[in-house]
N, C-alpha and C. Protein backbone atom coordinates (compact mmCIF):
# COMPACT_ATOMS: atom_id res chain seq x y z
N THR A 1 0.85 -1.18 0.02
CA THR A 1 0.03 0.04 -0.02
C THR A 1 0.88 1.14 -0.01
N THR A 2 0.51 2.23 -0.79
CA THR A 2 1.25 3.54 -0.85
C THR A 2 0.55 4.51 0.12
N VAL A 3 1.32 5.07 0.94
CA VAL A 3 0.78 6.10 1.91
C VAL A 3 1.43 7.44 1.65
N THR A 4 0.58 8.54 1.73
CA THR A 4 1.19 9.84 1.57
C THR A 4 1.35 10.43 2.94
N LEU A 5 2.54 10.92 3.24
CA LEU A 5 2.95 11.62 4.51
C LEU A 5 3.01 13.13 4.18
N THR A 6 2.52 13.90 5.00
CA THR A 6 2.62 15.42 4.93
C THR A 6 3.22 15.90 6.22
N ALA A 7 4.26 16.85 6.10
CA ALA A 7 4.93 17.43 7.24
C ALA A 7 4.34 18.78 7.33
N ASN A 8 3.69 19.15 8.48
CA ASN A 8 3.07 20.44 8.71
C ASN A 8 3.85 21.20 9.78
N PRO A 9 4.70 22.10 9.38
CA PRO A 9 5.33 22.87 10.38
C PRO A 9 4.52 23.89 11.08
N ALA A 10 4.78 24.11 12.40
CA ALA A 10 4.02 25.12 13.15
C ALA A 10 4.39 26.46 12.79
N ALA A 11 3.63 27.40 13.16
CA ALA A 11 3.91 28.81 12.82
C ALA A 11 5.35 29.14 13.35
N GLY A 12 6.15 29.83 12.45
CA GLY A 12 7.50 30.21 12.84
C GLY A 12 8.53 29.02 12.61
N TRP A 13 8.13 28.00 11.98
CA TRP A 13 9.03 26.83 11.77
C TRP A 13 8.88 26.44 10.34
N LYS A 14 9.87 25.81 9.75
CA LYS A 14 9.86 25.34 8.39
C LYS A 14 10.31 23.85 8.31
N PHE A 15 9.86 23.15 7.31
CA PHE A 15 10.21 21.72 7.11
C PHE A 15 11.54 21.72 6.39
N ASP A 16 12.45 21.00 6.98
CA ASP A 16 13.83 20.77 6.43
C ASP A 16 14.01 19.51 5.58
N GLY A 17 13.34 18.42 5.82
CA GLY A 17 13.45 17.27 5.07
C GLY A 17 13.10 15.97 5.93
N TRP A 18 13.11 14.84 5.21
CA TRP A 18 12.73 13.53 5.76
C TRP A 18 14.09 12.79 6.08
N SER A 19 13.93 11.87 6.99
CA SER A 19 15.06 10.88 7.19
C SER A 19 14.43 9.52 7.60
N GLY A 20 15.18 8.55 7.65
CA GLY A 20 14.72 7.18 7.89
C GLY A 20 14.41 6.46 6.47
N ALA A 21 13.12 5.99 6.32
CA ALA A 21 12.58 5.23 5.20
C ALA A 21 12.30 6.27 4.06
N LEU A 22 12.41 7.60 4.29
CA LEU A 22 12.16 8.57 3.27
C LEU A 22 13.32 9.55 3.31
N SER A 23 13.64 10.07 2.22
CA SER A 23 14.75 11.11 2.20
C SER A 23 14.32 12.26 1.21
N GLY A 24 15.01 13.33 1.36
CA GLY A 24 14.73 14.51 0.43
C GLY A 24 13.78 15.50 1.13
N THR A 25 13.37 16.39 0.32
CA THR A 25 12.49 17.50 0.90
C THR A 25 11.13 17.54 0.23
N THR A 26 10.68 16.65 -0.62
CA THR A 26 9.42 16.56 -1.23
C THR A 26 8.34 16.48 -0.19
N ASN A 27 7.36 17.32 -0.22
CA ASN A 27 6.41 17.38 0.83
C ASN A 27 5.04 17.82 0.22
N PRO A 28 3.95 16.97 0.19
CA PRO A 28 3.94 15.68 0.79
C PRO A 28 4.78 14.66 0.00
N ALA A 29 5.02 13.57 0.65
CA ALA A 29 5.85 12.39 -0.08
C ALA A 29 5.08 11.15 0.14
N ASP A 30 5.25 10.29 -0.86
CA ASP A 30 4.69 8.92 -0.82
C ASP A 30 5.72 7.82 -0.47
N ILE A 31 5.17 6.93 0.30
CA ILE A 31 6.06 5.82 0.72
C ILE A 31 5.22 4.48 0.53
N THR A 32 5.98 3.48 0.12
CA THR A 32 5.32 2.16 -0.07
C THR A 32 5.50 1.35 1.21
N MET A 33 4.38 0.96 1.75
CA MET A 33 4.35 0.20 3.00
C MET A 33 4.38 -1.30 2.72
N ASN A 34 5.65 -1.83 2.49
CA ASN A 34 5.75 -3.24 2.17
C ASN A 34 6.46 -3.97 3.44
N SER A 35 6.82 -3.17 4.53
CA SER A 35 7.40 -3.69 5.71
C SER A 35 7.16 -2.57 6.82
N ASN A 36 7.62 -2.91 8.07
CA ASN A 36 7.56 -1.85 9.11
C ASN A 36 8.59 -0.83 8.74
N LYS A 37 8.21 0.48 8.84
CA LYS A 37 9.13 1.65 8.42
C LYS A 37 9.05 2.79 9.39
N THR A 38 10.14 3.38 9.60
CA THR A 38 10.19 4.67 10.48
C THR A 38 10.62 5.79 9.56
N VAL A 39 9.80 6.92 9.81
CA VAL A 39 10.11 8.15 9.01
C VAL A 39 10.15 9.25 10.03
N THR A 40 11.14 10.09 9.85
CA THR A 40 11.21 11.37 10.75
C THR A 40 11.14 12.56 9.93
N ALA A 41 10.34 13.55 10.25
CA ALA A 41 10.28 14.75 9.65
C ALA A 41 11.00 15.87 10.45
N THR A 42 12.06 16.59 9.87
CA THR A 42 12.84 17.44 10.64
C THR A 42 12.40 18.90 10.26
N PHE A 43 12.31 19.68 11.43
CA PHE A 43 11.89 21.05 11.19
C PHE A 43 12.98 22.01 11.77
N SER A 44 12.95 23.23 11.35
CA SER A 44 13.90 24.21 12.03
C SER A 44 13.17 25.54 12.17
N GLU A 45 13.49 26.32 13.23
CA GLU A 45 12.93 27.55 13.46
C GLU A 45 13.28 28.61 12.45
N ILE A 46 12.35 29.27 11.89
CA ILE A 46 12.73 30.33 10.93
C ILE A 46 13.33 31.55 11.74
N PRO A 47 14.45 32.06 11.24
CA PRO A 47 15.15 33.09 11.93
C PRO A 47 14.27 34.44 11.83
N VAL A 48 14.55 35.25 12.82
CA VAL A 48 13.91 36.60 12.84
C VAL A 48 14.91 37.60 12.67
N GLY A 49 14.63 38.63 11.81
CA GLY A 49 15.58 39.64 11.51
C GLY A 49 14.95 40.70 10.77
N GLN A 50 15.80 41.58 10.20
CA GLN A 50 15.32 42.69 9.44
C GLN A 50 16.06 42.71 8.02
N LEU A 51 15.29 42.79 7.05
CA LEU A 51 15.88 42.72 5.69
C LEU A 51 15.90 44.12 5.25
N TYR A 52 17.14 44.69 5.11
CA TYR A 52 17.29 46.08 4.61
C TYR A 52 17.33 46.16 3.18
N ASN A 53 17.09 47.32 2.68
CA ASN A 53 16.95 47.54 1.16
C ASN A 53 18.29 47.16 0.48
N VAL A 54 19.37 47.22 1.13
CA VAL A 54 20.61 46.84 0.46
C VAL A 54 21.35 45.92 1.41
N GLY A 55 21.13 44.58 1.22
CA GLY A 55 21.67 43.54 2.20
C GLY A 55 21.34 43.90 3.56
N TYR A 56 22.46 43.99 4.39
CA TYR A 56 22.18 44.36 5.76
C TYR A 56 22.74 45.69 6.13
N GLU A 57 22.95 46.56 5.09
CA GLU A 57 23.37 47.95 5.37
C GLU A 57 22.47 48.61 6.32
N ASN A 58 23.07 49.25 7.24
CA ASN A 58 22.15 50.01 8.19
C ASN A 58 21.49 51.11 7.44
N ILE A 59 20.12 51.21 7.68
CA ILE A 59 19.40 52.24 7.11
C ILE A 59 19.58 53.57 7.82
N SER A 60 19.85 54.66 7.06
CA SER A 60 20.02 55.88 7.52
C SER A 60 18.95 56.84 6.90
N ILE A 61 18.80 58.03 7.38
CA ILE A 61 17.89 58.89 6.65
C ILE A 61 18.55 59.54 5.56
N PHE A 62 18.34 59.07 4.38
CA PHE A 62 19.08 59.56 3.23
C PHE A 62 18.73 61.04 3.02
N ASP A 63 19.71 61.81 2.35
CA ASP A 63 19.65 63.21 2.19
C ASP A 63 18.69 63.68 1.16
N LYS A 64 18.43 62.89 0.08
CA LYS A 64 17.52 63.31 -0.97
C LYS A 64 16.06 63.04 -0.59
N VAL A 65 15.21 63.91 -1.05
CA VAL A 65 13.71 63.70 -0.70
C VAL A 65 12.87 63.85 -2.02
N THR A 66 11.99 63.03 -2.12
CA THR A 66 11.03 63.10 -3.40
C THR A 66 9.61 63.06 -2.80
N THR A 67 8.69 63.73 -3.44
CA THR A 67 7.35 63.71 -3.18
C THR A 67 6.59 63.01 -4.39
N ASN A 68 7.24 62.37 -5.21
CA ASN A 68 6.60 61.64 -6.36
C ASN A 68 5.59 60.68 -5.91
N ALA A 69 4.47 60.71 -6.44
CA ALA A 69 3.37 59.83 -5.98
C ALA A 69 3.19 58.54 -6.79
N ASN A 70 4.11 58.24 -7.60
CA ASN A 70 4.00 56.94 -8.42
C ASN A 70 4.27 55.74 -7.60
N LEU A 71 3.77 54.64 -8.04
CA LEU A 71 3.97 53.27 -7.49
C LEU A 71 5.53 52.98 -7.72
N ARG A 72 6.27 52.54 -6.66
CA ARG A 72 7.63 52.25 -6.76
C ARG A 72 8.02 50.99 -5.99
N ALA A 73 9.15 50.32 -6.35
CA ALA A 73 9.54 49.17 -5.69
C ALA A 73 11.07 49.14 -5.61
N GLN A 74 11.55 48.61 -4.44
CA GLN A 74 13.05 48.46 -4.23
C GLN A 74 13.31 46.99 -4.14
N PRO A 75 14.41 46.51 -4.84
CA PRO A 75 14.78 45.07 -4.74
C PRO A 75 15.63 44.88 -3.55
N VAL A 76 15.36 43.61 -2.91
CA VAL A 76 16.20 43.13 -1.89
C VAL A 76 16.43 41.70 -2.14
N THR A 77 17.50 41.04 -1.59
CA THR A 77 17.71 39.66 -1.66
C THR A 77 17.75 38.98 -0.26
N MET A 78 16.93 38.07 -0.08
CA MET A 78 16.85 37.43 1.22
C MET A 78 18.25 36.68 1.64
N PRO A 79 18.75 36.95 2.66
CA PRO A 79 20.03 36.30 3.21
C PRO A 79 19.76 34.95 3.70
N GLU A 80 18.59 34.57 4.06
CA GLU A 80 18.18 33.35 4.67
C GLU A 80 16.68 33.08 4.43
N ASP A 81 16.26 31.89 4.72
CA ASP A 81 14.82 31.64 4.74
C ASP A 81 14.18 32.51 5.87
N GLY A 82 12.91 33.07 5.57
CA GLY A 82 12.14 33.75 6.50
C GLY A 82 10.77 34.13 6.20
N VAL A 83 10.05 34.50 7.17
CA VAL A 83 8.54 34.92 6.91
C VAL A 83 8.53 36.42 7.13
N ILE A 84 8.24 37.15 6.04
CA ILE A 84 8.15 38.57 6.08
C ILE A 84 6.72 38.90 6.67
N GLU A 85 6.85 39.75 7.78
CA GLU A 85 5.59 40.05 8.52
C GLU A 85 5.19 41.58 8.34
N SER A 86 6.21 42.36 8.11
CA SER A 86 5.89 43.83 8.01
C SER A 86 6.88 44.52 7.16
N VAL A 87 6.54 45.76 6.74
CA VAL A 87 7.37 46.53 5.92
C VAL A 87 7.40 47.91 6.57
N SER A 88 8.59 48.59 6.58
CA SER A 88 8.74 49.99 7.18
C SER A 88 9.31 50.79 6.22
N MET A 89 8.85 52.07 6.22
CA MET A 89 9.41 53.09 5.30
C MET A 89 9.54 54.44 6.05
N TYR A 90 10.66 55.11 5.80
CA TYR A 90 10.80 56.41 6.32
C TYR A 90 10.07 57.48 5.45
N HIS A 91 9.36 58.40 6.17
CA HIS A 91 8.78 59.51 5.41
C HIS A 91 8.82 60.76 6.37
N ASP A 92 8.52 61.88 5.82
CA ASP A 92 8.59 63.11 6.59
C ASP A 92 7.30 63.50 7.37
N GLY A 93 6.32 62.60 7.28
CA GLY A 93 5.01 62.88 8.07
C GLY A 93 4.13 63.76 7.15
N GLY A 94 2.90 63.40 7.22
CA GLY A 94 1.88 64.18 6.45
C GLY A 94 0.47 63.64 6.62
N SER A 95 -0.29 63.68 5.53
CA SER A 95 -1.67 63.32 5.61
C SER A 95 -1.90 62.32 4.49
N GLY A 96 -3.10 61.82 4.36
CA GLY A 96 -3.56 60.89 3.37
C GLY A 96 -3.19 59.49 3.70
N ASP A 97 -3.32 58.50 2.86
CA ASP A 97 -3.01 57.10 3.06
C ASP A 97 -1.82 56.60 2.28
N MET A 98 -1.37 55.41 2.67
CA MET A 98 -0.31 54.70 2.10
C MET A 98 -0.47 53.16 2.00
N ILE A 99 0.21 52.51 1.09
CA ILE A 99 0.11 51.08 1.10
C ILE A 99 1.51 50.64 0.74
N LEU A 100 1.98 49.62 1.52
CA LEU A 100 3.36 48.97 1.35
C LEU A 100 3.04 47.51 0.96
N ALA A 101 4.05 46.88 0.21
CA ALA A 101 3.77 45.55 -0.27
C ALA A 101 5.11 44.82 -0.60
N VAL A 102 4.95 43.52 -0.81
CA VAL A 102 6.04 42.74 -1.25
C VAL A 102 5.67 42.01 -2.52
N TYR A 103 6.59 42.24 -3.58
CA TYR A 103 6.44 41.51 -4.82
C TYR A 103 7.47 40.47 -5.03
N GLU A 104 7.26 39.52 -5.92
CA GLU A 104 8.35 38.63 -6.39
C GLU A 104 8.70 39.12 -7.78
N GLY A 105 9.94 38.59 -8.15
CA GLY A 105 10.40 38.99 -9.50
C GLY A 105 11.93 39.02 -9.51
N SER A 106 12.52 38.36 -10.49
CA SER A 106 14.01 38.26 -10.60
C SER A 106 14.65 39.61 -11.14
N SER A 107 14.12 40.12 -12.24
CA SER A 107 14.66 41.27 -12.83
C SER A 107 13.78 42.54 -12.63
N GLU A 108 12.51 42.44 -12.24
CA GLU A 108 11.64 43.45 -12.05
C GLU A 108 10.44 42.95 -11.22
N PRO A 109 9.79 43.83 -10.47
CA PRO A 109 8.69 43.28 -9.70
C PRO A 109 7.61 42.75 -10.64
N ASN A 110 6.96 41.69 -10.20
CA ASN A 110 6.03 40.90 -10.99
C ASN A 110 4.70 40.70 -10.22
N LEU A 111 4.52 39.60 -9.61
CA LEU A 111 3.39 39.23 -8.87
C LEU A 111 3.40 39.67 -7.45
N LEU A 112 2.26 40.19 -7.01
CA LEU A 112 2.13 40.61 -5.61
C LEU A 112 2.09 39.44 -4.64
N LEU A 113 2.97 39.42 -3.63
CA LEU A 113 2.93 38.35 -2.64
C LEU A 113 2.04 38.70 -1.47
N SER A 114 2.09 39.93 -1.03
CA SER A 114 1.20 40.47 0.11
C SER A 114 1.45 41.94 0.22
N LYS A 115 0.37 42.50 0.74
CA LYS A 115 0.32 44.00 0.94
C LYS A 115 -0.17 44.40 2.30
N THR A 116 -0.08 45.65 2.76
CA THR A 116 -0.67 46.06 3.95
C THR A 116 -2.00 46.65 3.57
N THR A 117 -2.84 46.88 4.68
CA THR A 117 -4.18 47.45 4.39
C THR A 117 -3.85 48.96 4.05
N VAL A 118 -4.86 49.64 3.59
CA VAL A 118 -4.69 51.09 3.42
C VAL A 118 -4.56 51.76 4.75
N THR A 119 -3.44 52.47 4.91
CA THR A 119 -3.09 53.04 6.28
C THR A 119 -2.84 54.44 6.27
N ALA A 120 -3.35 55.23 7.25
CA ALA A 120 -3.13 56.65 7.32
C ALA A 120 -1.63 56.98 7.46
N VAL A 121 -1.17 57.89 6.76
CA VAL A 121 0.23 58.31 6.88
C VAL A 121 0.33 59.00 8.25
N SER A 122 1.42 58.64 8.95
CA SER A 122 1.63 59.27 10.27
C SER A 122 2.00 60.73 10.08
N SER A 123 1.56 61.56 11.05
CA SER A 123 1.80 62.98 10.84
C SER A 123 3.24 63.34 11.37
N ASN A 124 3.93 62.33 11.93
CA ASN A 124 5.32 62.48 12.46
C ASN A 124 6.29 61.96 11.54
N SER A 125 7.49 62.57 11.37
CA SER A 125 8.56 62.02 10.60
C SER A 125 9.06 60.81 11.20
N GLY A 126 9.53 59.87 10.39
CA GLY A 126 10.21 58.66 11.02
C GLY A 126 9.80 57.41 10.16
N TYR A 127 10.26 56.23 10.69
CA TYR A 127 9.85 55.11 10.04
C TYR A 127 8.46 54.67 10.51
N GLN A 128 7.61 54.37 9.47
CA GLN A 128 6.31 53.87 9.80
C GLN A 128 6.27 52.34 9.46
N THR A 129 5.90 51.51 10.29
CA THR A 129 5.92 50.09 10.14
C THR A 129 4.47 49.68 10.08
N ILE A 130 4.18 48.86 9.09
CA ILE A 130 2.76 48.34 8.86
C ILE A 130 2.83 46.84 8.57
N ALA A 131 2.06 46.10 9.24
CA ALA A 131 1.98 44.73 9.13
C ALA A 131 1.41 44.28 7.72
N LEU A 132 1.89 43.26 7.16
CA LEU A 132 1.28 42.76 5.94
C LEU A 132 -0.04 42.05 6.23
N ASP A 133 -0.92 41.99 5.31
CA ASP A 133 -2.27 41.34 5.50
C ASP A 133 -2.01 39.82 5.77
N THR A 134 -0.99 39.30 5.02
CA THR A 134 -0.64 37.86 5.10
C THR A 134 0.84 37.75 5.16
N PRO A 135 1.49 37.27 6.26
CA PRO A 135 2.94 37.00 6.16
C PRO A 135 3.34 36.26 5.04
N VAL A 136 4.48 36.53 4.51
CA VAL A 136 5.05 35.81 3.25
C VAL A 136 6.31 35.01 3.51
N PHE A 137 6.33 33.73 3.24
CA PHE A 137 7.49 32.91 3.32
C PHE A 137 8.38 33.20 2.16
N VAL A 138 9.63 33.43 2.34
CA VAL A 138 10.58 33.66 1.28
C VAL A 138 11.84 32.79 1.56
N ASN A 139 12.54 32.34 0.49
CA ASN A 139 13.64 31.52 0.56
C ASN A 139 14.97 32.27 0.62
N ALA A 140 16.01 31.80 1.08
CA ALA A 140 17.33 32.28 1.07
C ALA A 140 17.64 32.52 -0.36
N ASN A 141 18.36 33.67 -0.70
CA ASN A 141 18.75 34.10 -2.06
C ASN A 141 17.60 34.51 -2.91
N GLN A 142 16.40 34.43 -2.43
CA GLN A 142 15.23 34.85 -3.28
C GLN A 142 15.21 36.46 -3.41
N LYS A 143 15.02 36.96 -4.56
CA LYS A 143 14.99 38.32 -4.79
C LYS A 143 13.52 38.79 -4.70
N ILE A 144 13.19 39.78 -3.83
CA ILE A 144 11.92 40.31 -3.72
C ILE A 144 11.92 41.73 -3.91
N TRP A 145 10.78 42.28 -3.96
CA TRP A 145 10.68 43.86 -4.13
C TRP A 145 9.73 44.43 -3.05
N LEU A 146 10.25 45.47 -2.36
CA LEU A 146 9.49 46.12 -1.38
C LEU A 146 8.88 47.33 -2.10
N ALA A 147 7.53 47.41 -2.05
CA ALA A 147 6.86 48.41 -2.91
C ALA A 147 6.08 49.40 -2.06
N TRP A 148 5.74 50.57 -2.57
CA TRP A 148 5.04 51.58 -1.92
C TRP A 148 4.17 52.47 -2.82
N VAL A 149 3.10 53.02 -2.40
CA VAL A 149 2.31 53.94 -3.11
C VAL A 149 1.62 54.92 -2.05
N TYR A 150 1.73 56.15 -2.25
CA TYR A 150 1.14 57.22 -1.34
C TYR A 150 -0.05 57.95 -2.04
N GLU A 151 -0.98 58.21 -1.31
CA GLU A 151 -2.09 59.11 -1.71
C GLU A 151 -1.50 60.53 -1.94
N ASN A 152 -0.78 61.00 -0.87
CA ASN A 152 -0.19 62.27 -0.93
C ASN A 152 1.24 62.17 -0.27
N ASN A 153 2.20 61.87 -1.17
CA ASN A 153 3.56 61.56 -0.75
C ASN A 153 4.08 62.70 0.21
N PRO A 154 4.39 62.48 1.46
CA PRO A 154 4.77 63.56 2.39
C PRO A 154 6.27 63.85 2.17
N GLY A 155 6.99 63.03 1.41
CA GLY A 155 8.48 63.13 1.29
C GLY A 155 9.13 61.97 1.77
N ILE A 156 9.66 61.17 0.82
CA ILE A 156 10.36 59.89 1.23
C ILE A 156 11.87 60.14 0.88
N HIS A 157 12.75 59.49 1.59
CA HIS A 157 14.13 59.68 1.49
C HIS A 157 14.82 58.60 0.64
N TYR A 158 15.87 59.02 -0.11
CA TYR A 158 16.58 58.14 -1.05
C TYR A 158 17.97 58.64 -1.27
N LYS A 159 18.76 57.82 -1.88
CA LYS A 159 20.11 58.26 -2.30
C LYS A 159 20.46 57.52 -3.61
N SER A 160 21.46 58.07 -4.28
CA SER A 160 21.84 57.38 -5.57
C SER A 160 22.64 56.11 -5.32
N GLY A 161 22.49 55.12 -6.22
CA GLY A 161 23.15 53.98 -6.03
C GLY A 161 22.35 52.73 -6.48
N THR A 162 22.95 51.62 -6.40
CA THR A 162 22.28 50.40 -6.77
C THR A 162 22.13 49.44 -5.54
N PRO A 163 21.12 48.59 -5.54
CA PRO A 163 20.25 48.22 -6.65
C PRO A 163 19.21 49.20 -6.92
N GLY A 164 18.91 49.46 -8.20
CA GLY A 164 18.06 50.48 -8.67
C GLY A 164 16.57 50.13 -8.39
N ARG A 165 15.80 51.16 -8.11
CA ARG A 165 14.42 50.87 -7.86
C ARG A 165 13.69 50.82 -9.23
N ALA A 166 12.40 50.15 -9.18
CA ALA A 166 11.59 50.07 -10.30
C ALA A 166 10.50 51.09 -10.15
N GLY A 167 10.31 51.92 -11.25
CA GLY A 167 9.14 52.94 -11.13
C GLY A 167 8.16 52.57 -12.14
N SER A 168 6.88 52.78 -11.68
CA SER A 168 5.82 52.62 -12.60
C SER A 168 5.18 53.97 -12.79
N SER A 169 4.28 53.95 -13.85
CA SER A 169 3.58 55.16 -14.16
C SER A 169 2.24 55.28 -13.43
N ALA A 170 1.88 54.18 -12.70
CA ALA A 170 0.63 54.01 -11.93
C ALA A 170 0.75 54.98 -10.64
N THR A 171 -0.40 55.39 -10.23
CA THR A 171 -0.50 56.27 -9.08
C THR A 171 -1.44 55.71 -8.06
N TRP A 172 -1.75 56.46 -6.89
CA TRP A 172 -2.63 56.03 -5.96
C TRP A 172 -3.96 55.44 -6.46
N SER A 173 -4.55 55.98 -7.49
CA SER A 173 -5.75 55.54 -7.95
C SER A 173 -5.72 54.08 -8.39
N GLY A 174 -4.59 53.51 -8.62
CA GLY A 174 -4.43 52.12 -9.09
C GLY A 174 -4.19 51.21 -7.86
N GLY A 175 -4.08 51.80 -6.70
CA GLY A 175 -3.83 51.01 -5.51
C GLY A 175 -2.48 50.26 -5.56
N MET A 176 -2.54 48.89 -5.04
CA MET A 176 -1.47 48.11 -5.15
C MET A 176 -1.80 46.97 -5.91
N PRO A 177 -1.50 46.95 -7.23
CA PRO A 177 -2.03 45.89 -8.24
C PRO A 177 -1.46 44.45 -7.96
N ASP A 178 -2.25 43.48 -8.37
CA ASP A 178 -1.83 42.06 -8.24
C ASP A 178 -0.55 41.79 -9.17
N THR A 179 -0.53 42.51 -10.24
CA THR A 179 0.81 42.47 -11.06
C THR A 179 1.26 43.90 -11.18
N PHE A 180 2.54 44.13 -10.77
CA PHE A 180 3.21 45.44 -10.78
C PHE A 180 3.03 46.09 -12.13
N GLY A 181 3.14 45.44 -13.25
CA GLY A 181 2.98 46.12 -14.55
C GLY A 181 4.37 46.59 -15.01
N ASP A 182 4.29 47.35 -16.21
CA ASP A 182 5.55 47.93 -16.77
C ASP A 182 6.23 48.86 -15.84
N SER A 183 7.50 48.75 -15.83
CA SER A 183 8.41 49.65 -14.99
C SER A 183 9.64 49.91 -15.61
N THR A 184 10.26 50.96 -15.24
CA THR A 184 11.62 51.40 -15.61
C THR A 184 12.58 51.46 -14.34
N SER A 185 13.75 51.12 -14.54
CA SER A 185 14.69 50.97 -13.44
C SER A 185 15.57 52.28 -13.43
N SER A 186 15.79 52.77 -12.23
CA SER A 186 16.67 53.95 -11.93
C SER A 186 17.62 53.67 -10.75
N ASP A 187 18.82 54.21 -10.79
CA ASP A 187 19.85 53.97 -9.76
C ASP A 187 19.58 54.76 -8.53
N TRP A 188 18.54 54.49 -7.85
CA TRP A 188 18.29 55.10 -6.57
C TRP A 188 17.85 54.07 -5.61
N TYR A 189 18.10 54.19 -4.37
CA TYR A 189 17.48 53.31 -3.39
C TYR A 189 17.02 54.05 -2.17
N TYR A 190 16.07 53.44 -1.34
CA TYR A 190 15.26 54.21 -0.52
C TYR A 190 15.36 53.67 0.92
N ALA A 191 14.90 54.43 1.88
CA ALA A 191 14.88 54.06 3.24
C ALA A 191 13.60 53.21 3.45
N ILE A 192 13.71 51.97 3.12
CA ILE A 192 12.69 51.02 3.33
C ILE A 192 13.27 49.63 3.70
N TYR A 193 12.54 48.90 4.53
CA TYR A 193 13.06 47.57 4.99
C TYR A 193 11.80 46.69 5.32
N ALA A 194 12.11 45.43 5.33
CA ALA A 194 11.15 44.45 5.89
C ALA A 194 11.59 43.74 7.11
N SER A 195 10.72 43.44 7.91
CA SER A 195 11.09 42.57 9.14
C SER A 195 10.54 41.10 8.94
N TYR A 196 11.39 40.16 9.19
CA TYR A 196 11.07 38.71 9.13
C TYR A 196 11.51 37.96 10.29
């Protein structure tokens, strides 16, 4: 008889693989029961950290400021497996609403992985952290894009350099689309990071 085994990690944990009568990381996995067999599922805790816009570079309040209201995204590469739970962005404080998000895509943002709810922009300058509607599991070395759109951009901080951000012609009226759409790359990066 063939039996299907499924390893279900608890929140904050990930499945690493099978040992014993099964091997590898296929999950679920089938095993033929033609004798007594022992199978072990191994799990490990997902690390908690902060994913900065350029590797682990410390985020500072960059000296350039823009009030451009177009949809934008900044690429980052995961240093390890993790579950992204929130996105933070520095702004000068103002009014109106904002949405932050995480997209997948190797050369440009593509499909939306998760976004925040529409959130009022804080009236105070500083990093504003917003939880994602749904936490997102991402793998080590996976390239993702941290995206933002403001109803009334109060002033967000950036500096020249790579990795370059992707810019869309879409504005607040388009919200945070399921597919980022056409974009152009520019050599700027922004004071934005994700927590995982």
